[in-house]
């Protein structure tokens, strides 16, 4: 598929598609790039190949959804306790900055697996996940958050969360919020107190 003339649409998420969604807008632009090719070894766009000649129509314009950069202070995820304070090892899983800058929310359990739990724990600086569950344990707290992520899917081959898939649209209620327990290598085998149950 051909890549793209302009940053037409960027939202939180990780996907791309081609379409003529906004014809009255798209028709005001020339098609600037065609045959855009980047390989796994390319770290910046300057290393990619492209052509400024094209044989395309605007039905081939690329619409792109991008994930937020990992926040240098909070990371992709944090755990909070029943008071909403950041906590260690286990608590309500909160996603940071996926929907917008400084926007946080809960994570829905749809498609969530033990593999996903492990990867998210590692993103937060732990070594592995101990367990995860879904519930509306702290309704007065959970209701203060939007649901930020749904359909979070990581596979065995994913080494970091940036390789996982997710949606910022959801069909969930807070009874599906993920509560997560993580562990450190020196504590392997210890089951932490499930204070959120």
N, C-alpha and C. Protein backbone atom coordinates (compact mmCIF):
# COMPACT_ATOMS: atom_id res chain seq x y z
N UNK A 1 0.84 -1.20 0.00
CA UNK A 1 0.00 0.00 0.00
C UNK A 1 0.88 1.24 0.00
N UNK A 2 0.36 2.28 -0.57
CA UNK A 2 1.14 3.50 -0.66
C UNK A 2 0.99 4.32 0.61
N UNK A 3 2.07 4.98 1.00
CA UNK A 3 2.03 5.90 2.11
C UNK A 3 1.88 7.30 1.61
N UNK A 4 2.19 8.34 2.45
CA UNK A 4 1.09 9.17 2.60
C UNK A 4 1.48 10.59 2.45
N UNK A 5 0.52 11.40 2.08
CA UNK A 5 0.76 12.77 1.70
C UNK A 5 0.97 13.70 2.87
N UNK A 6 0.40 13.39 4.01
CA UNK A 6 0.31 14.40 5.07
C UNK A 6 -0.16 13.73 6.34
N UNK A 7 0.11 14.35 7.47
CA UNK A 7 -0.46 13.83 8.71
C UNK A 7 -1.94 14.20 8.73
N UNK A 8 -2.77 13.32 8.20
CA UNK A 8 -4.19 13.63 8.09
C UNK A 8 -4.89 13.43 9.42
N UNK A 9 -4.60 12.33 10.13
CA UNK A 9 -5.27 12.09 11.42
C UNK A 9 -4.33 11.34 12.34
N UNK A 10 -4.14 11.84 13.54
CA UNK A 10 -3.35 11.13 14.54
C UNK A 10 -4.15 11.09 15.83
N UNK A 11 -4.43 9.88 16.31
CA UNK A 11 -5.09 9.70 17.58
C UNK A 11 -4.31 8.68 18.37
N UNK A 12 -4.68 8.46 19.61
CA UNK A 12 -4.01 7.43 20.38
C UNK A 12 -4.40 6.07 19.83
N UNK A 13 -3.47 5.14 19.86
CA UNK A 13 -3.70 3.81 19.33
C UNK A 13 -2.53 3.42 18.45
N UNK A 14 -2.56 2.25 17.89
CA UNK A 14 -1.48 1.84 17.01
C UNK A 14 -2.10 1.09 15.83
N UNK A 15 -2.34 1.78 14.73
CA UNK A 15 -2.87 1.15 13.53
C UNK A 15 -2.79 2.15 12.38
N UNK A 16 -3.00 1.63 11.16
CA UNK A 16 -3.12 2.53 10.02
C UNK A 16 -4.10 1.91 9.03
N UNK A 17 -4.65 2.76 8.17
CA UNK A 17 -5.60 2.30 7.17
C UNK A 17 -5.54 3.28 6.01
N UNK A 18 -6.12 2.89 4.90
CA UNK A 18 -6.19 3.80 3.75
C UNK A 18 -7.65 3.97 3.36
N UNK A 19 -8.03 5.21 3.04
CA UNK A 19 -9.42 5.47 2.70
C UNK A 19 -9.56 6.90 2.19
N UNK A 20 -10.75 7.20 1.68
CA UNK A 20 -11.09 8.55 1.26
C UNK A 20 -12.16 9.06 2.21
N UNK A 21 -11.81 9.06 3.53
CA UNK A 21 -12.77 9.40 4.58
C UNK A 21 -13.24 10.85 4.52
N UNK A 22 -12.33 11.74 4.17
CA UNK A 22 -12.62 13.18 4.17
C UNK A 22 -12.35 13.75 2.77
N UNK A 23 -13.15 13.38 1.79
CA UNK A 23 -12.83 13.75 0.40
C UNK A 23 -12.70 15.26 0.19
N UNK A 24 -13.56 16.05 0.84
CA UNK A 24 -13.50 17.50 0.61
C UNK A 24 -12.18 18.07 1.13
N UNK A 25 -11.61 17.47 2.16
CA UNK A 25 -10.30 17.89 2.66
C UNK A 25 -9.18 17.29 1.82
N UNK A 26 -9.24 15.98 1.63
CA UNK A 26 -8.15 15.30 0.94
C UNK A 26 -7.94 15.83 -0.48
N UNK A 27 -9.03 16.20 -1.14
CA UNK A 27 -8.91 16.70 -2.51
C UNK A 27 -8.21 18.05 -2.59
N UNK A 28 -8.03 18.73 -1.45
CA UNK A 28 -7.32 20.01 -1.46
C UNK A 28 -5.81 19.82 -1.43
N UNK A 29 -5.36 18.58 -1.22
CA UNK A 29 -3.93 18.29 -1.15
C UNK A 29 -3.48 17.53 -2.38
N UNK A 30 -2.23 17.79 -2.78
CA UNK A 30 -1.57 16.91 -3.73
C UNK A 30 -1.11 15.67 -2.98
N UNK A 31 -0.84 14.61 -3.72
CA UNK A 31 -0.24 13.42 -3.11
C UNK A 31 1.27 13.60 -3.20
N UNK A 32 1.90 13.70 -2.06
CA UNK A 32 3.31 14.08 -2.01
C UNK A 32 4.25 12.88 -2.08
N UNK A 33 3.85 11.76 -1.46
CA UNK A 33 4.75 10.61 -1.37
C UNK A 33 4.05 9.34 -1.80
N UNK A 34 4.82 8.45 -2.41
CA UNK A 34 4.34 7.12 -2.82
C UNK A 34 5.46 6.12 -2.53
N UNK A 35 5.09 4.85 -2.46
CA UNK A 35 6.07 3.76 -2.29
C UNK A 35 6.99 4.01 -1.10
N UNK A 36 6.41 4.44 0.00
CA UNK A 36 7.21 4.69 1.21
C UNK A 36 7.54 3.34 1.85
N UNK A 37 8.83 3.07 2.01
CA UNK A 37 9.28 1.77 2.51
C UNK A 37 10.30 1.97 3.62
N UNK A 38 9.96 1.46 4.79
CA UNK A 38 10.89 1.45 5.93
C UNK A 38 11.11 0.01 6.34
N UNK A 39 12.32 -0.32 6.70
CA UNK A 39 12.63 -1.68 7.12
C UNK A 39 12.84 -1.72 8.63
N UNK A 40 12.92 -2.93 9.17
CA UNK A 40 13.10 -3.10 10.61
C UNK A 40 14.34 -2.38 11.11
N UNK A 41 15.37 -2.27 10.27
CA UNK A 41 16.62 -1.65 10.69
C UNK A 41 16.60 -0.13 10.70
N UNK A 42 15.53 0.48 10.17
CA UNK A 42 15.46 1.94 10.11
C UNK A 42 15.01 2.49 11.45
N UNK A 43 15.77 3.43 12.00
CA UNK A 43 15.40 4.01 13.29
C UNK A 43 14.76 5.39 13.12
N UNK A 44 14.97 6.02 11.96
CA UNK A 44 14.36 7.32 11.66
C UNK A 44 13.85 7.31 10.23
N UNK A 45 12.95 8.24 9.93
CA UNK A 45 12.37 8.29 8.59
C UNK A 45 13.41 8.63 7.53
N UNK A 46 14.46 9.31 7.92
CA UNK A 46 15.49 9.69 6.94
C UNK A 46 16.18 8.46 6.34
N UNK A 47 16.05 7.31 6.97
CA UNK A 47 16.64 6.07 6.46
C UNK A 47 15.69 5.30 5.55
N UNK A 48 14.44 5.76 5.44
CA UNK A 48 13.45 5.05 4.63
C UNK A 48 13.54 5.50 3.16
N UNK A 49 12.88 4.73 2.30
CA UNK A 49 12.84 5.05 0.88
C UNK A 49 11.44 5.50 0.49
N UNK A 50 11.35 6.39 -0.53
CA UNK A 50 10.05 6.84 -1.00
C UNK A 50 10.21 7.48 -2.38
N UNK A 51 9.08 7.71 -3.02
CA UNK A 51 9.07 8.39 -4.32
C UNK A 51 8.16 9.60 -4.23
N UNK A 52 8.54 10.68 -4.92
CA UNK A 52 7.67 11.86 -4.99
C UNK A 52 6.80 11.82 -6.25
N UNK A 53 7.01 10.82 -7.11
CA UNK A 53 6.08 10.54 -8.20
C UNK A 53 5.07 9.52 -7.69
N UNK A 54 3.84 9.59 -8.19
CA UNK A 54 2.84 8.65 -7.70
C UNK A 54 1.86 8.24 -8.79
N UNK A 55 1.23 7.10 -8.59
CA UNK A 55 0.14 6.64 -9.45
C UNK A 55 -1.07 6.32 -8.57
N UNK A 56 -1.35 7.20 -7.61
CA UNK A 56 -2.35 6.95 -6.57
C UNK A 56 -3.56 7.87 -6.70
N UNK A 57 -4.63 7.47 -6.06
CA UNK A 57 -5.78 8.34 -5.83
C UNK A 57 -5.92 8.58 -4.34
N UNK A 58 -6.78 9.51 -3.98
CA UNK A 58 -6.92 9.83 -2.55
C UNK A 58 -7.58 8.71 -1.76
N UNK A 59 -8.17 7.73 -2.42
CA UNK A 59 -8.68 6.56 -1.70
C UNK A 59 -7.54 5.75 -1.09
N UNK A 60 -6.31 6.06 -1.50
CA UNK A 60 -5.14 5.37 -0.96
C UNK A 60 -4.39 6.21 0.08
N UNK A 61 -4.93 7.38 0.43
CA UNK A 61 -4.30 8.19 1.48
C UNK A 61 -4.23 7.39 2.79
N UNK A 62 -3.15 7.55 3.49
CA UNK A 62 -2.96 6.83 4.75
C UNK A 62 -3.50 7.64 5.92
N UNK A 63 -4.30 6.98 6.74
CA UNK A 63 -4.74 7.51 8.03
C UNK A 63 -3.98 6.73 9.09
N UNK A 64 -3.39 7.46 10.02
CA UNK A 64 -2.46 6.84 10.97
C UNK A 64 -2.86 7.13 12.40
N UNK A 65 -2.82 6.10 13.23
CA UNK A 65 -3.03 6.26 14.67
C UNK A 65 -1.74 5.94 15.39
N UNK A 66 -1.30 6.80 16.28
CA UNK A 66 -0.02 6.64 16.97
C UNK A 66 -0.22 6.48 18.48
N UNK A 67 0.64 5.73 19.10
CA UNK A 67 0.64 5.62 20.55
C UNK A 67 1.42 6.76 21.17
N UNK A 68 1.07 7.09 22.38
CA UNK A 68 1.79 8.13 23.10
C UNK A 68 3.19 7.66 23.47
N UNK A 69 4.14 8.61 23.50
CA UNK A 69 5.45 8.28 24.02
C UNK A 69 5.35 7.95 25.50
N UNK A 70 6.19 7.04 25.93
CA UNK A 70 6.22 6.66 27.34
C UNK A 70 6.58 7.88 28.17
N UNK A 71 5.75 8.18 29.15
CA UNK A 71 6.01 9.31 30.03
C UNK A 71 7.26 9.05 30.85
N UNK A 72 8.21 9.98 30.85
CA UNK A 72 9.49 9.73 31.51
C UNK A 72 9.36 9.62 33.03
N UNK A 73 8.28 10.19 33.58
CA UNK A 73 8.10 10.14 35.03
C UNK A 73 7.22 8.98 35.46
N UNK A 74 6.13 8.72 34.73
CA UNK A 74 5.18 7.71 35.17
C UNK A 74 5.23 6.43 34.35
N UNK A 75 5.85 6.43 33.17
CA UNK A 75 5.82 5.26 32.32
C UNK A 75 4.43 5.07 31.71
N UNK A 76 4.26 3.94 31.05
CA UNK A 76 2.97 3.64 30.44
C UNK A 76 1.90 3.34 31.49
N UNK A 77 2.33 2.74 32.60
CA UNK A 77 1.39 2.24 33.59
C UNK A 77 1.84 2.55 35.01
N UNK A 78 0.86 2.65 35.91
CA UNK A 78 1.13 2.71 37.34
C UNK A 78 0.08 1.87 38.06
N UNK A 79 0.34 1.56 39.31
CA UNK A 79 -0.61 0.89 40.18
C UNK A 79 -1.03 1.88 41.26
N UNK A 80 -2.31 1.89 41.59
CA UNK A 80 -2.78 2.77 42.65
C UNK A 80 -3.53 1.95 43.70
N UNK A 81 -3.54 2.49 44.94
CA UNK A 81 -4.25 1.83 46.03
C UNK A 81 -5.68 2.37 46.11
N UNK A 82 -6.40 1.98 47.15
CA UNK A 82 -7.82 2.34 47.27
C UNK A 82 -8.04 3.83 47.46
N UNK A 83 -6.97 4.58 47.79
CA UNK A 83 -7.07 6.03 47.91
C UNK A 83 -6.68 6.75 46.62
N UNK A 84 -6.26 5.98 45.61
CA UNK A 84 -5.82 6.57 44.36
C UNK A 84 -4.37 6.99 44.36
N UNK A 85 -3.63 6.60 45.41
CA UNK A 85 -2.21 6.94 45.50
C UNK A 85 -1.37 5.87 44.82
N UNK A 86 -0.28 6.30 44.18
CA UNK A 86 0.62 5.35 43.55
C UNK A 86 1.17 4.39 44.60
N UNK A 87 1.20 3.11 44.25
CA UNK A 87 1.63 2.09 45.19
C UNK A 87 2.58 1.12 44.53
N UNK A 88 3.19 0.26 45.30
CA UNK A 88 4.14 -0.73 44.82
C UNK A 88 3.49 -2.11 44.77
N UNK A 89 3.93 -2.91 43.84
CA UNK A 89 3.65 -4.34 43.74
C UNK A 89 2.24 -4.71 43.28
N UNK A 90 1.19 -4.14 43.87
CA UNK A 90 -0.15 -4.54 43.44
C UNK A 90 -1.16 -3.44 43.67
N UNK A 91 -2.19 -3.45 42.84
CA UNK A 91 -3.25 -2.47 42.96
C UNK A 91 -4.05 -2.37 41.67
N UNK A 92 -4.84 -1.32 41.57
CA UNK A 92 -5.62 -1.04 40.35
C UNK A 92 -4.67 -0.57 39.26
N UNK A 93 -4.75 -1.18 38.09
CA UNK A 93 -3.85 -0.83 36.98
C UNK A 93 -4.36 0.42 36.28
N UNK A 94 -3.48 1.42 36.16
CA UNK A 94 -3.80 2.70 35.53
C UNK A 94 -2.92 2.90 34.31
N UNK A 95 -3.53 3.25 33.19
CA UNK A 95 -2.80 3.55 31.95
C UNK A 95 -2.61 5.06 31.85
N UNK A 96 -1.41 5.49 31.51
CA UNK A 96 -1.04 6.90 31.49
C UNK A 96 -0.88 7.43 30.06
N UNK A 97 -1.55 8.53 29.76
CA UNK A 97 -1.27 9.33 28.55
C UNK A 97 -1.59 8.64 27.24
N UNK A 98 -2.43 7.60 27.24
CA UNK A 98 -2.80 6.96 25.97
C UNK A 98 -3.89 7.76 25.26
N UNK A 99 -4.83 8.30 26.02
CA UNK A 99 -5.94 9.03 25.44
C UNK A 99 -5.56 10.47 25.13
N UNK A 100 -4.67 11.04 25.92
CA UNK A 100 -4.21 12.41 25.72
C UNK A 100 -3.20 12.76 26.81
N UNK A 101 -2.50 13.88 26.66
CA UNK A 101 -1.51 14.28 27.64
C UNK A 101 -2.14 14.42 29.02
N UNK A 102 -1.48 13.82 30.01
CA UNK A 102 -1.92 13.89 31.41
C UNK A 102 -3.28 13.25 31.63
N UNK A 103 -3.73 12.40 30.71
CA UNK A 103 -4.99 11.69 30.87
C UNK A 103 -4.70 10.26 31.33
N UNK A 104 -5.31 9.86 32.42
CA UNK A 104 -5.10 8.52 32.94
C UNK A 104 -6.44 7.79 33.01
N UNK A 105 -6.41 6.47 33.03
CA UNK A 105 -7.63 5.70 33.12
C UNK A 105 -7.34 4.25 33.41
N UNK A 106 -8.40 3.49 33.65
CA UNK A 106 -8.26 2.08 33.97
C UNK A 106 -8.08 1.25 32.70
N UNK A 107 -7.79 -0.03 32.90
CA UNK A 107 -7.57 -0.96 31.79
C UNK A 107 -8.63 -2.05 31.87
N UNK A 108 -9.36 -2.25 30.79
CA UNK A 108 -10.40 -3.28 30.73
C UNK A 108 -9.77 -4.65 30.52
N UNK A 109 -10.43 -5.69 31.03
CA UNK A 109 -9.85 -7.04 30.99
C UNK A 109 -10.09 -7.78 29.68
N UNK A 110 -10.81 -7.20 28.73
CA UNK A 110 -11.05 -7.91 27.46
C UNK A 110 -9.72 -8.27 26.80
N UNK A 111 -9.54 -9.54 26.47
CA UNK A 111 -8.33 -10.08 25.81
C UNK A 111 -7.09 -10.05 26.70
N UNK A 112 -7.21 -9.60 27.94
CA UNK A 112 -6.07 -9.53 28.85
C UNK A 112 -5.64 -10.95 29.25
N UNK A 113 -4.34 -11.23 29.25
CA UNK A 113 -3.83 -12.56 29.55
C UNK A 113 -2.66 -12.47 30.53
N UNK A 114 -2.17 -13.64 30.95
CA UNK A 114 -1.00 -13.69 31.83
C UNK A 114 0.24 -13.12 31.13
N UNK A 115 0.34 -13.34 29.82
CA UNK A 115 1.47 -12.78 29.06
C UNK A 115 1.43 -11.26 29.10
N UNK A 116 0.24 -10.68 28.90
CA UNK A 116 0.09 -9.23 28.96
C UNK A 116 0.43 -8.71 30.34
N UNK A 117 -0.02 -9.42 31.38
CA UNK A 117 0.28 -9.02 32.75
C UNK A 117 1.78 -8.99 33.00
N UNK A 118 2.50 -10.01 32.52
CA UNK A 118 3.96 -10.07 32.68
C UNK A 118 4.64 -8.87 32.02
N UNK A 119 4.25 -8.57 30.79
CA UNK A 119 4.88 -7.49 30.05
C UNK A 119 4.61 -6.15 30.73
N UNK A 120 3.39 -5.93 31.20
CA UNK A 120 3.07 -4.67 31.86
C UNK A 120 3.84 -4.54 33.18
N UNK A 121 3.95 -5.64 33.93
CA UNK A 121 4.75 -5.60 35.16
C UNK A 121 6.20 -5.23 34.85
N UNK A 122 6.75 -5.80 33.79
CA UNK A 122 8.14 -5.49 33.41
C UNK A 122 8.27 -4.03 32.99
N UNK A 123 7.24 -3.48 32.32
CA UNK A 123 7.28 -2.06 31.95
C UNK A 123 7.36 -1.17 33.19
N UNK A 124 6.78 -1.64 34.30
CA UNK A 124 6.79 -0.85 35.53
C UNK A 124 8.03 -1.13 36.38
N UNK A 125 8.96 -1.94 35.88
CA UNK A 125 10.21 -2.17 36.60
C UNK A 125 10.24 -3.42 37.45
N UNK A 126 9.18 -4.23 37.36
CA UNK A 126 9.17 -5.49 38.10
C UNK A 126 9.68 -6.61 37.19
N UNK A 127 9.81 -7.81 37.75
CA UNK A 127 10.36 -8.92 36.98
C UNK A 127 9.30 -9.83 36.36
N UNK A 128 8.12 -9.87 36.95
CA UNK A 128 7.08 -10.78 36.46
C UNK A 128 5.76 -10.41 37.14
N UNK A 129 4.68 -10.99 36.65
CA UNK A 129 3.38 -10.80 37.30
C UNK A 129 3.11 -11.98 38.23
N UNK A 130 2.47 -11.69 39.35
CA UNK A 130 2.08 -12.73 40.30
C UNK A 130 0.68 -13.22 39.98
N UNK A 131 -0.23 -12.28 39.76
CA UNK A 131 -1.60 -12.61 39.41
C UNK A 131 -2.31 -11.35 38.92
N UNK A 132 -3.45 -11.54 38.30
CA UNK A 132 -4.30 -10.40 37.94
C UNK A 132 -5.76 -10.84 38.06
N UNK A 133 -6.61 -9.86 38.23
CA UNK A 133 -8.04 -10.13 38.40
C UNK A 133 -8.81 -8.93 37.88
N UNK A 134 -10.10 -9.10 37.72
CA UNK A 134 -10.96 -7.98 37.31
C UNK A 134 -12.10 -7.85 38.30
N UNK A 135 -12.43 -6.63 38.66
CA UNK A 135 -13.52 -6.43 39.61
C UNK A 135 -13.79 -4.95 39.77
N UNK A 136 -14.89 -4.66 40.48
CA UNK A 136 -15.22 -3.29 40.84
C UNK A 136 -15.04 -3.16 42.36
N UNK A 137 -13.80 -3.47 42.81
CA UNK A 137 -13.51 -3.53 44.24
C UNK A 137 -13.64 -2.18 44.94
N UNK A 138 -13.24 -1.13 44.22
CA UNK A 138 -13.22 0.21 44.82
C UNK A 138 -14.09 1.14 43.96
N UNK A 139 -15.40 0.94 43.94
CA UNK A 139 -16.25 1.68 42.99
C UNK A 139 -16.14 3.19 43.11
N UNK A 140 -16.02 3.71 44.35
CA UNK A 140 -15.95 5.17 44.49
C UNK A 140 -14.68 5.73 43.88
N UNK A 141 -13.60 4.93 43.86
CA UNK A 141 -12.37 5.35 43.20
C UNK A 141 -12.44 5.09 41.70
N UNK A 142 -12.82 3.89 41.32
CA UNK A 142 -12.81 3.51 39.91
C UNK A 142 -13.72 4.41 39.07
N UNK A 143 -14.83 4.82 39.65
CA UNK A 143 -15.77 5.67 38.89
C UNK A 143 -15.21 7.06 38.62
N UNK A 144 -14.13 7.43 39.28
CA UNK A 144 -13.52 8.74 39.01
C UNK A 144 -12.62 8.70 37.77
N UNK A 145 -12.35 7.49 37.26
CA UNK A 145 -11.50 7.32 36.08
C UNK A 145 -12.35 6.99 34.86
N UNK A 146 -11.91 7.44 33.70
CA UNK A 146 -12.38 6.87 32.45
C UNK A 146 -11.70 5.53 32.24
N UNK A 147 -12.25 4.72 31.36
CA UNK A 147 -11.57 3.48 30.96
C UNK A 147 -10.69 3.83 29.77
N UNK A 148 -9.39 3.72 29.95
CA UNK A 148 -8.44 4.21 28.94
C UNK A 148 -8.13 3.19 27.86
N UNK A 149 -8.00 1.92 28.23
CA UNK A 149 -7.58 0.90 27.27
C UNK A 149 -8.50 -0.30 27.31
N UNK A 150 -8.72 -0.90 26.14
CA UNK A 150 -9.49 -2.13 26.01
C UNK A 150 -8.77 -3.02 25.00
N UNK A 151 -9.10 -4.30 25.02
CA UNK A 151 -8.55 -5.26 24.05
C UNK A 151 -7.02 -5.23 24.03
N UNK A 152 -6.41 -5.16 25.20
CA UNK A 152 -4.95 -5.14 25.29
C UNK A 152 -4.44 -6.56 25.03
N UNK A 153 -3.63 -6.72 24.01
CA UNK A 153 -3.18 -8.03 23.59
C UNK A 153 -1.67 -8.03 23.38
N UNK A 154 -0.98 -8.83 24.17
CA UNK A 154 0.46 -9.04 23.99
C UNK A 154 0.69 -10.53 23.72
N UNK A 155 1.62 -10.83 22.86
CA UNK A 155 1.92 -12.22 22.54
C UNK A 155 3.26 -12.61 23.14
N UNK A 156 3.55 -13.89 23.12
CA UNK A 156 4.80 -14.41 23.69
C UNK A 156 6.02 -13.73 23.07
N UNK A 157 5.90 -13.33 21.82
CA UNK A 157 7.04 -12.73 21.15
C UNK A 157 7.27 -11.27 21.48
N UNK A 158 6.35 -10.63 22.18
CA UNK A 158 6.50 -9.21 22.53
C UNK A 158 7.42 -9.07 23.72
N UNK A 159 8.45 -8.23 23.58
CA UNK A 159 9.37 -8.03 24.70
C UNK A 159 9.06 -6.76 25.47
N UNK A 160 8.36 -5.81 24.83
CA UNK A 160 7.96 -4.57 25.50
C UNK A 160 6.52 -4.26 25.13
N UNK A 161 5.90 -3.37 25.90
CA UNK A 161 4.50 -3.06 25.65
C UNK A 161 4.31 -2.35 24.31
N UNK A 162 5.32 -1.68 23.82
CA UNK A 162 5.19 -0.96 22.55
C UNK A 162 4.90 -1.90 21.38
N UNK A 163 5.12 -3.21 21.57
CA UNK A 163 4.83 -4.20 20.54
C UNK A 163 3.44 -4.80 20.69
N UNK A 164 2.74 -4.46 21.74
CA UNK A 164 1.40 -5.02 22.00
C UNK A 164 0.34 -4.22 21.25
N UNK A 165 -0.87 -4.78 21.17
CA UNK A 165 -1.99 -4.11 20.53
C UNK A 165 -3.02 -3.73 21.58
N UNK A 166 -3.75 -2.66 21.32
CA UNK A 166 -4.79 -2.21 22.25
C UNK A 166 -5.72 -1.25 21.53
N UNK A 167 -6.84 -0.95 22.18
CA UNK A 167 -7.79 0.02 21.66
C UNK A 167 -8.07 1.07 22.72
N UNK A 168 -8.25 2.32 22.31
CA UNK A 168 -8.65 3.36 23.25
C UNK A 168 -10.17 3.55 23.24
N UNK A 169 -10.86 2.80 22.40
CA UNK A 169 -12.32 2.70 22.48
C UNK A 169 -12.64 1.48 23.33
N UNK A 170 -13.76 1.51 24.04
CA UNK A 170 -14.07 0.37 24.89
C UNK A 170 -15.57 0.13 24.95
N UNK A 171 -15.92 -1.10 25.32
CA UNK A 171 -17.32 -1.47 25.57
C UNK A 171 -17.40 -2.10 26.97
N UNK A 172 -16.69 -1.51 27.91
CA UNK A 172 -16.49 -2.09 29.24
C UNK A 172 -17.16 -1.28 30.33
N UNK A 173 -17.35 -1.93 31.46
CA UNK A 173 -17.71 -1.25 32.69
C UNK A 173 -16.59 -1.41 33.70
N UNK A 174 -16.64 -0.68 34.79
CA UNK A 174 -15.54 -0.75 35.75
C UNK A 174 -15.46 -2.10 36.47
N UNK A 175 -16.49 -2.93 36.34
CA UNK A 175 -16.39 -4.29 36.88
C UNK A 175 -15.36 -5.12 36.12
N UNK A 176 -14.91 -4.60 34.97
CA UNK A 176 -13.89 -5.28 34.17
C UNK A 176 -12.50 -4.66 34.33
N UNK A 177 -12.36 -3.69 35.23
CA UNK A 177 -11.06 -3.08 35.48
C UNK A 177 -10.05 -4.13 35.96
N UNK A 178 -8.82 -4.02 35.48
CA UNK A 178 -7.76 -4.96 35.85
C UNK A 178 -7.08 -4.52 37.13
N UNK A 179 -6.98 -5.44 38.08
CA UNK A 179 -6.14 -5.30 39.27
C UNK A 179 -4.96 -6.23 39.08
N UNK A 180 -3.76 -5.73 39.33
CA UNK A 180 -2.55 -6.45 38.96
C UNK A 180 -1.58 -6.55 40.13
N UNK A 181 -1.01 -7.74 40.32
CA UNK A 181 0.06 -7.95 41.29
C UNK A 181 1.34 -8.30 40.55
N UNK A 182 2.42 -7.60 40.86
CA UNK A 182 3.72 -7.83 40.21
C UNK A 182 4.74 -8.30 41.26
N UNK A 183 5.81 -8.91 40.79
CA UNK A 183 6.84 -9.39 41.71
C UNK A 183 8.23 -9.01 41.26
N UNK A 184 9.13 -9.06 42.20
CA UNK A 184 10.56 -8.86 41.93
C UNK A 184 11.27 -10.20 42.10
N UNK A 185 12.41 -10.36 41.44
CA UNK A 185 13.07 -11.66 41.40
C UNK A 185 13.44 -12.17 42.79
N UNK A 186 13.80 -11.25 43.70
CA UNK A 186 14.19 -11.71 45.04
C UNK A 186 13.01 -12.24 45.84
N UNK A 187 11.79 -11.94 45.35
CA UNK A 187 10.59 -12.39 46.08
C UNK A 187 9.84 -13.48 45.32
N UNK A 188 10.49 -14.09 44.33
CA UNK A 188 9.78 -15.05 43.49
C UNK A 188 9.20 -16.17 44.33
N UNK A 189 7.96 -16.48 44.06
CA UNK A 189 7.28 -17.54 44.79
C UNK A 189 6.43 -17.03 45.93
N UNK A 190 6.64 -15.76 46.35
CA UNK A 190 5.84 -15.20 47.42
C UNK A 190 4.55 -14.66 46.83
N UNK A 191 3.44 -15.02 47.41
CA UNK A 191 2.15 -14.48 46.98
C UNK A 191 1.83 -13.29 47.87
N UNK A 192 1.64 -12.15 47.26
CA UNK A 192 1.39 -10.94 48.03
C UNK A 192 -0.03 -10.91 48.57
N UNK A 193 -0.24 -10.21 49.65
CA UNK A 193 -1.56 -10.08 50.23
C UNK A 193 -2.51 -9.44 49.23
N UNK A 194 -3.65 -10.06 49.03
CA UNK A 194 -4.58 -9.54 48.03
C UNK A 194 -5.47 -8.50 48.71
N UNK A 195 -4.87 -7.35 49.01
CA UNK A 195 -5.59 -6.38 49.81
C UNK A 195 -6.73 -5.72 49.07
N UNK A 196 -6.75 -5.89 47.75
CA UNK A 196 -7.80 -5.22 47.00
C UNK A 196 -9.03 -6.10 46.82
N UNK A 197 -9.01 -7.32 47.32
CA UNK A 197 -10.18 -8.20 47.18
C UNK A 197 -11.17 -7.93 48.33
